[in-house]
Amino acid sequence: MSYYQCDIKFKDDDTIFESIVKDSVDIIEGEDDKIFYYCEGLTEIENLTKEDNGEDFLILSYTKTETI
């Protein structure tokens, strides 16, 4: 399982922050409060970098990491 350290921007007010996106939809107790978003693969993460991604946020950049 992989994680992505991401710079995320909310579309409504342009707030930018750093958070974790998990490359899995499996929720692990004790880890959930550290994860901003769960996805299914790199393709979904790449789609979240597009302005018309259907979410209220946009991933500006991401770096793969094995731990959080």
PDB file of N, CA and C in Angstrom:
ATOM      1  N   MET A   1       0.842  -1.169   0.000  1.00  0.00           N
ATOM      2  CA  MET A   1       0.000   0.000   0.000  1.00  0.00           C
ATOM      3  C   MET A   1       0.888   1.234   0.000  1.00  0.00           C
ATOM      4  N   SER A   2       0.455   2.217  -0.728  1.00  0.00           N
ATOM      5  CA  SER A   2       1.244   3.440  -0.868  1.00  0.00           C
ATOM      6  C   SER A   2       0.448   4.642  -0.389  1.00  0.00           C
ATOM      7  N   TYR A   3       1.177   5.677  -0.090  1.00  0.00           N
ATOM      8  CA  TYR A   3       0.607   6.951   0.318  1.00  0.00           C
ATOM      9  C   TYR A   3       1.222   8.030  -0.568  1.00  0.00           C
ATOM     10  N   TYR A   4       0.522   9.143  -0.673  1.00  0.00           N
ATOM     11  CA  TYR A   4       1.034  10.280  -1.427  1.00  0.00           C
ATOM     12  C   TYR A   4       0.963  11.523  -0.551  1.00  0.00           C
ATOM     13  N   GLN A   5       2.103  12.171  -0.390  1.00  0.00           N
ATOM     14  CA  GLN A   5       2.160  13.455   0.290  1.00  0.00           C
ATOM     15  C   GLN A   5       1.730  14.486  -0.755  1.00  0.00           C
ATOM     16  N   CYS A   6       0.652  15.203  -0.471  1.00  0.00           N
ATOM     17  CA  CYS A   6       0.054  16.072  -1.485  1.00  0.00           C
ATOM     18  C   CYS A   6      -0.089  17.512  -1.016  1.00  0.00           C
ATOM     19  N   ASP A   7       0.049  18.426  -1.956  1.00  0.00           N
ATOM     20  CA  ASP A   7      -0.359  19.808  -1.761  1.00  0.00           C
ATOM     21  C   ASP A   7      -1.753  19.903  -2.362  1.00  0.00           C
ATOM     22  N   ILE A   8      -2.724  20.295  -1.532  1.00  0.00           N
ATOM     23  CA  ILE A   8      -4.131  20.279  -1.913  1.00  0.00           C
ATOM     24  C   ILE A   8      -4.689  21.687  -1.804  1.00  0.00           C
ATOM     25  N   LYS A   9      -5.523  22.061  -2.759  1.00  0.00           N
ATOM     26  CA  LYS A   9      -6.164  23.380  -2.751  1.00  0.00           C
ATOM     27  C   LYS A   9      -7.671  23.202  -2.790  1.00  0.00           C
ATOM     28  N   PHE A  10      -8.365  23.850  -1.846  1.00  0.00           N
ATOM     29  CA  PHE A  10      -9.822  23.876  -1.916  1.00  0.00           C
ATOM     30  C   PHE A  10     -10.234  24.880  -2.987  1.00  0.00           C
ATOM     31  N   LYS A  11     -11.167  24.474  -3.831  1.00  0.00           N
ATOM     32  CA  LYS A  11     -11.558  25.304  -4.974  1.00  0.00           C
ATOM     33  C   LYS A  11     -12.342  26.546  -4.568  1.00  0.00           C
ATOM     34  N   ASP A  12     -13.089  26.471  -3.460  1.00  0.00           N
ATOM     35  CA  ASP A  12     -13.965  27.585  -3.104  1.00  0.00           C
ATOM     36  C   ASP A  12     -13.234  28.794  -2.530  1.00  0.00           C
ATOM     37  N   ASP A  13     -12.117  28.559  -1.845  1.00  0.00           N
ATOM     38  CA  ASP A  13     -11.426  29.707  -1.249  1.00  0.00           C
ATOM     39  C   ASP A  13      -9.915  29.716  -1.491  1.00  0.00           C
ATOM     40  N   ASP A  14      -9.431  28.802  -2.331  1.00  0.00           N
ATOM     41  CA  ASP A  14      -8.015  28.732  -2.703  1.00  0.00           C
ATOM     42  C   ASP A  14      -7.071  28.430  -1.538  1.00  0.00           C
ATOM     43  N   THR A  15      -7.603  27.919  -0.420  1.00  0.00           N
ATOM     44  CA  THR A  15      -6.752  27.508   0.696  1.00  0.00           C
ATOM     45  C   THR A  15      -5.891  26.336   0.248  1.00  0.00           C
ATOM     46  N   ILE A  16      -4.591  26.415   0.531  1.00  0.00           N
ATOM     47  CA  ILE A  16      -3.662  25.353   0.163  1.00  0.00           C
ATOM     48  C   ILE A  16      -3.081  24.754   1.439  1.00  0.00           C
ATOM     49  N   PHE A  17      -3.035  23.428   1.503  1.00  0.00           N
ATOM     50  CA  PHE A  17      -2.463  22.745   2.650  1.00  0.00           C
ATOM     51  C   PHE A  17      -1.825  21.443   2.205  1.00  0.00           C
ATOM     52  N   GLU A  18      -1.023  20.866   3.084  1.00  0.00           N
ATOM     53  CA  GLU A  18      -0.341  19.606   2.806  1.00  0.00           C
ATOM     54  C   GLU A  18      -1.061  18.488   3.554  1.00  0.00           C
ATOM     55  N   SER A  19      -1.310  17.373   2.878  1.00  0.00           N
ATOM     56  CA  SER A  19      -1.983  16.254   3.516  1.00  0.00           C
ATOM     57  C   SER A  19      -1.640  14.951   2.807  1.00  0.00           C
ATOM     58  N   ILE A  20      -2.215  13.848   3.306  1.00  0.00           N
ATOM     59  CA  ILE A  20      -1.922  12.507   2.804  1.00  0.00           C
ATOM     60  C   ILE A  20      -3.125  11.951   2.043  1.00  0.00           C
ATOM     61  N   VAL A  21      -2.856  11.384   0.885  1.00  0.00           N
ATOM     62  CA  VAL A  21      -3.844  10.628   0.114  1.00  0.00           C
ATOM     63  C   VAL A  21      -3.356   9.186   0.100  1.00  0.00           C
ATOM     64  N   LYS A  22      -4.250   8.267   0.408  1.00  0.00           N
ATOM     65  CA  LYS A  22      -3.886   6.856   0.478  1.00  0.00           C
ATOM     66  C   LYS A  22      -4.294   6.148  -0.806  1.00  0.00           C
ATOM     67  N   ASP A  23      -3.374   5.373  -1.358  1.00  0.00           N
ATOM     68  CA  ASP A  23      -3.617   4.617  -2.590  1.00  0.00           C
ATOM     69  C   ASP A  23      -4.249   3.265  -2.232  1.00  0.00           C
ATOM     70  N   SER A  24      -5.401   3.354  -1.572  1.00  0.00           N
ATOM     71  CA  SER A  24      -6.162   2.174  -1.166  1.00  0.00           C
ATOM     72  C   SER A  24      -7.439   2.686  -0.515  1.00  0.00           C
ATOM     73  N   VAL A  25      -8.505   1.935  -0.619  1.00  0.00           N
ATOM     74  CA  VAL A  25      -9.743   2.319   0.048  1.00  0.00           C
ATOM     75  C   VAL A  25      -9.900   1.591   1.380  1.00  0.00           C
ATOM     76  N   ASP A  26      -8.898   0.813   1.771  1.00  0.00           N
ATOM     77  CA  ASP A  26      -8.925   0.100   3.045  1.00  0.00           C
ATOM     78  C   ASP A  26      -8.626   1.069   4.182  1.00  0.00           C
ATOM     79  N   ILE A  27      -9.563   1.155   5.117  1.00  0.00           N
ATOM     80  CA  ILE A  27      -9.394   2.038   6.262  1.00  0.00           C
ATOM     81  C   ILE A  27      -8.786   1.235   7.405  1.00  0.00           C
ATOM     82  N   ILE A  28      -7.700   1.743   7.965  1.00  0.00           N
ATOM     83  CA  ILE A  28      -7.026   1.099   9.081  1.00  0.00           C
ATOM     84  C   ILE A  28      -7.260   1.959  10.319  1.00  0.00           C
ATOM     85  N   GLU A  29      -7.804   1.333  11.363  1.00  0.00           N
ATOM     86  CA  GLU A  29      -8.080   2.058  12.595  1.00  0.00           C
ATOM     87  C   GLU A  29      -6.801   2.685  13.136  1.00  0.00           C
ATOM     88  N   GLY A  30      -6.900   3.916  13.572  1.00  0.00           N
ATOM     89  CA  GLY A  30      -5.743   4.631  14.094  1.00  0.00           C
ATOM     90  C   GLY A  30      -4.997   5.414  13.025  1.00  0.00           C
ATOM     91  N   GLU A  31      -5.277   5.133  11.780  1.00  0.00           N
ATOM     92  CA  GLU A  31      -4.623   5.813  10.666  1.00  0.00           C
ATOM     93  C   GLU A  31      -5.569   6.814  10.013  1.00  0.00           C
ATOM     94  N   ASP A  32      -6.859   6.600  10.199  1.00  0.00           N
ATOM     95  CA  ASP A  32      -7.882   7.367   9.493  1.00  0.00           C
ATOM     96  C   ASP A  32      -7.779   8.871   9.713  1.00  0.00           C
ATOM     97  N   ASP A  33      -7.397   9.305  10.896  1.00  0.00           N
ATOM     98  CA  ASP A  33      -7.313  10.741  11.167  1.00  0.00           C
ATOM     99  C   ASP A  33      -6.139  11.414  10.468  1.00  0.00           C
ATOM    100  N   LYS A  34      -5.237  10.628   9.886  1.00  0.00           N
ATOM    101  CA  LYS A  34      -4.089  11.178   9.166  1.00  0.00           C
ATOM    102  C   LYS A  34      -4.311  11.238   7.656  1.00  0.00           C
ATOM    103  N   ILE A  35      -5.367  10.588   7.176  1.00  0.00           N
ATOM    104  CA  ILE A  35      -5.620  10.470   5.737  1.00  0.00           C
ATOM    105  C   ILE A  35      -6.676  11.483   5.312  1.00  0.00           C
ATOM    106  N   PHE A  36      -6.363  12.285   4.314  1.00  0.00           N
ATOM    107  CA  PHE A  36      -7.320  13.249   3.782  1.00  0.00           C
ATOM    108  C   PHE A  36      -8.294  12.599   2.813  1.00  0.00           C
ATOM    109  N   TYR A  37      -7.786  11.662   1.978  1.00  0.00           N
ATOM    110  CA  TYR A  37      -8.613  11.090   0.914  1.00  0.00           C
ATOM    111  C   TYR A  37      -8.105   9.688   0.593  1.00  0.00           C
ATOM    112  N   TYR A  38      -9.021   8.800   0.267  1.00  0.00           N
ATOM    113  CA  TYR A  38      -8.689   7.430  -0.145  1.00  0.00           C
ATOM    114  C   TYR A  38      -8.989   7.289  -1.629  1.00  0.00           C
ATOM    115  N   CYS A  39      -8.106   6.659  -2.374  1.00  0.00           N
ATOM    116  CA  CYS A  39      -8.322   6.485  -3.805  1.00  0.00           C
ATOM    117  C   CYS A  39      -7.924   5.086  -4.230  1.00  0.00           C
ATOM    118  N   GLU A  40      -8.202   4.776  -5.466  1.00  0.00           N
ATOM    119  CA  GLU A  40      -7.894   3.455  -6.014  1.00  0.00           C
ATOM    120  C   GLU A  40      -6.936   3.586  -7.188  1.00  0.00           C
ATOM    121  N   GLY A  41      -5.676   3.846  -6.886  1.00  0.00           N
ATOM    122  CA  GLY A  41      -4.657   3.857  -7.921  1.00  0.00           C
ATOM    123  C   GLY A  41      -4.196   5.221  -8.358  1.00  0.00           C
ATOM    124  N   LEU A  42      -3.077   5.216  -9.039  1.00  0.00           N
ATOM    125  CA  LEU A  42      -2.446   6.441  -9.516  1.00  0.00           C
ATOM    126  C   LEU A  42      -3.327   7.193 -10.512  1.00  0.00           C
ATOM    127  N   THR A  43      -4.096   6.478 -11.301  1.00  0.00           N
ATOM    128  CA  THR A  43      -4.985   7.132 -12.269  1.00  0.00           C
ATOM    129  C   THR A  43      -5.974   8.047 -11.563  1.00  0.00           C
ATOM    130  N   GLU A  44      -6.529   7.593 -10.454  1.00  0.00           N
ATOM    131  CA  GLU A  44      -7.474   8.431  -9.712  1.00  0.00           C
ATOM    132  C   GLU A  44      -6.773   9.653  -9.128  1.00  0.00           C
ATOM    133  N   ILE A  45      -5.557   9.471  -8.615  1.00  0.00           N
ATOM    134  CA  ILE A  45      -4.803  10.611  -8.091  1.00  0.00           C
ATOM    135  C   ILE A  45      -4.533  11.621  -9.202  1.00  0.00           C
ATOM    136  N   GLU A  46      -4.130  11.140 -10.362  1.00  0.00           N
ATOM    137  CA  GLU A  46      -3.881  12.032 -11.496  1.00  0.00           C
ATOM    138  C   GLU A  46      -5.152  12.770 -11.902  1.00  0.00           C
ATOM    139  N   ASN A  47      -6.294  12.109 -11.839  1.00  0.00           N
ATOM    140  CA  ASN A  47      -7.562  12.772 -12.162  1.00  0.00           C
ATOM    141  C   ASN A  47      -7.895  13.878 -11.168  1.00  0.00           C
ATOM    142  N   LEU A  48      -7.466  13.721  -9.928  1.00  0.00           N
ATOM    143  CA  LEU A  48      -7.720  14.738  -8.917  1.00  0.00           C
ATOM    144  C   LEU A  48      -6.867  15.987  -9.114  1.00  0.00           C
ATOM    145  N   THR A  49      -5.917  15.955 -10.044  1.00  0.00           N
ATOM    146  CA  THR A  49      -5.120  17.142 -10.360  1.00  0.00           C
ATOM    147  C   THR A  49      -5.820  18.021 -11.400  1.00  0.00           C
ATOM    148  N   LYS A  50      -6.911  17.531 -11.949  1.00  0.00           N
ATOM    149  CA  LYS A  50      -7.650  18.273 -12.983  1.00  0.00           C
ATOM    150  C   LYS A  50      -8.727  19.135 -12.347  1.00  0.00           C
ATOM    151  N   GLU A  51      -8.897  20.321 -12.879  1.00  0.00           N
ATOM    152  CA  GLU A  51      -9.864  21.282 -12.345  1.00  0.00           C
ATOM    153  C   GLU A  51     -11.289  20.713 -12.325  1.00  0.00           C
ATOM    154  N   ASP A  52     -11.634  19.919 -13.317  1.00  0.00           N
ATOM    155  CA  ASP A  52     -13.000  19.374 -13.423  1.00  0.00           C
ATOM    156  C   ASP A  52     -13.083  17.946 -12.861  1.00  0.00           C
ATOM    157  N   ASN A  53     -12.470  17.707 -11.700  1.00  0.00           N
ATOM    158  CA  ASN A  53     -12.380  16.359 -11.133  1.00  0.00           C
ATOM    159  C   ASN A  53     -13.619  15.921 -10.360  1.00  0.00           C
ATOM    160  N   GLY A  54     -14.613  16.772 -10.206  1.00  0.00           N
ATOM    161  CA  GLY A  54     -15.841  16.420  -9.501  1.00  0.00           C
ATOM    162  C   GLY A  54     -15.757  16.550  -7.989  1.00  0.00           C
ATOM    163  N   GLU A  55     -14.624  16.971  -7.469  1.00  0.00           N
ATOM    164  CA  GLU A  55     -14.441  17.165  -6.028  1.00  0.00           C
ATOM    165  C   GLU A  55     -14.342  18.660  -5.725  1.00  0.00           C
ATOM    166  N   ASP A  56     -14.384  19.003  -4.442  1.00  0.00           N
ATOM    167  CA  ASP A  56     -14.266  20.415  -4.053  1.00  0.00           C
ATOM    168  C   ASP A  56     -12.820  20.826  -3.793  1.00  0.00           C
ATOM    169  N   PHE A  57     -11.898  19.956  -4.169  1.00  0.00           N
ATOM    170  CA  PHE A  57     -10.475  20.237  -3.993  1.00  0.00           C
ATOM    171  C   PHE A  57      -9.708  19.794  -5.237  1.00  0.00           C
ATOM    172  N   LEU A  58      -8.472  20.226  -5.286  1.00  0.00           N
ATOM    173  CA  LEU A  58      -7.582  19.938  -6.409  1.00  0.00           C
ATOM    174  C   LEU A  58      -6.219  19.563  -5.837  1.00  0.00           C
ATOM    175  N   ILE A  59      -5.618  18.480  -6.327  1.00  0.00           N
ATOM    176  CA  ILE A  59      -4.255  18.138  -5.920  1.00  0.00           C
ATOM    177  C   ILE A  59      -3.297  18.917  -6.813  1.00  0.00           C
ATOM    178  N   LEU A  60      -2.480  19.753  -6.197  1.00  0.00           N
ATOM    179  CA  LEU A  60      -1.529  20.578  -6.939  1.00  0.00           C
ATOM    180  C   LEU A  60      -0.251  19.809  -7.249  1.00  0.00           C
ATOM    181  N   SER A  61       0.200  18.988  -6.301  1.00  0.00           N
ATOM    182  CA  SER A  61       1.394  18.171  -6.491  1.00  0.00           C
ATOM    183  C   SER A  61       1.316  16.983  -5.545  1.00  0.00           C
ATOM    184  N   TYR A  62       2.058  15.925  -5.890  1.00  0.00           N
ATOM    185  CA  TYR A  62       2.070  14.740  -5.029  1.00  0.00           C
ATOM    186  C   TYR A  62       3.392  14.014  -5.166  1.00  0.00           C
ATOM    187  N   THR A  63       3.785  13.374  -4.051  1.00  0.00           N
ATOM    188  CA  THR A  63       5.011  12.590  -3.986  1.00  0.00           C
ATOM    189  C   THR A  63       4.680  11.273  -3.296  1.00  0.00           C
ATOM    190  N   LYS A  64       5.040  10.182  -3.936  1.00  0.00           N
ATOM    191  CA  LYS A  64       4.750   8.860  -3.374  1.00  0.00           C
ATOM    192  C   LYS A  64       5.658   8.586  -2.185  1.00  0.00           C
ATOM    193  N   THR A  65       5.072   7.960  -1.154  1.00  0.00           N
ATOM    194  CA  THR A  65       5.817   7.555   0.036  1.00  0.00           C
ATOM    195  C   THR A  65       5.220   6.246   0.540  1.00  0.00           C
ATOM    196  N   GLU A  66       6.000   5.468   1.220  1.00  0.00           N
ATOM    197  CA  GLU A  66       5.527   4.172   1.714  1.00  0.00           C
ATOM    198  C   GLU A  66       4.975   4.264   3.128  1.00  0.00           C
ATOM    199  N   THR A  67       5.268   5.341   3.824  1.00  0.00           N
ATOM    200  CA  THR A  67       4.791   5.505   5.209  1.00  0.00           C
ATOM    201  C   THR A  67       4.172   6.887   5.368  1.00  0.00           C
ATOM    202  N   ILE A  68       3.400   7.024   6.438  1.00  0.00           N
ATOM    203  CA  ILE A  68       2.810   8.338   6.712  1.00  0.00           C
ATOM    204  C   ILE A  68       3.355   8.903   7.999  1.00  0.00           C
TER     205      ILE A  68
END
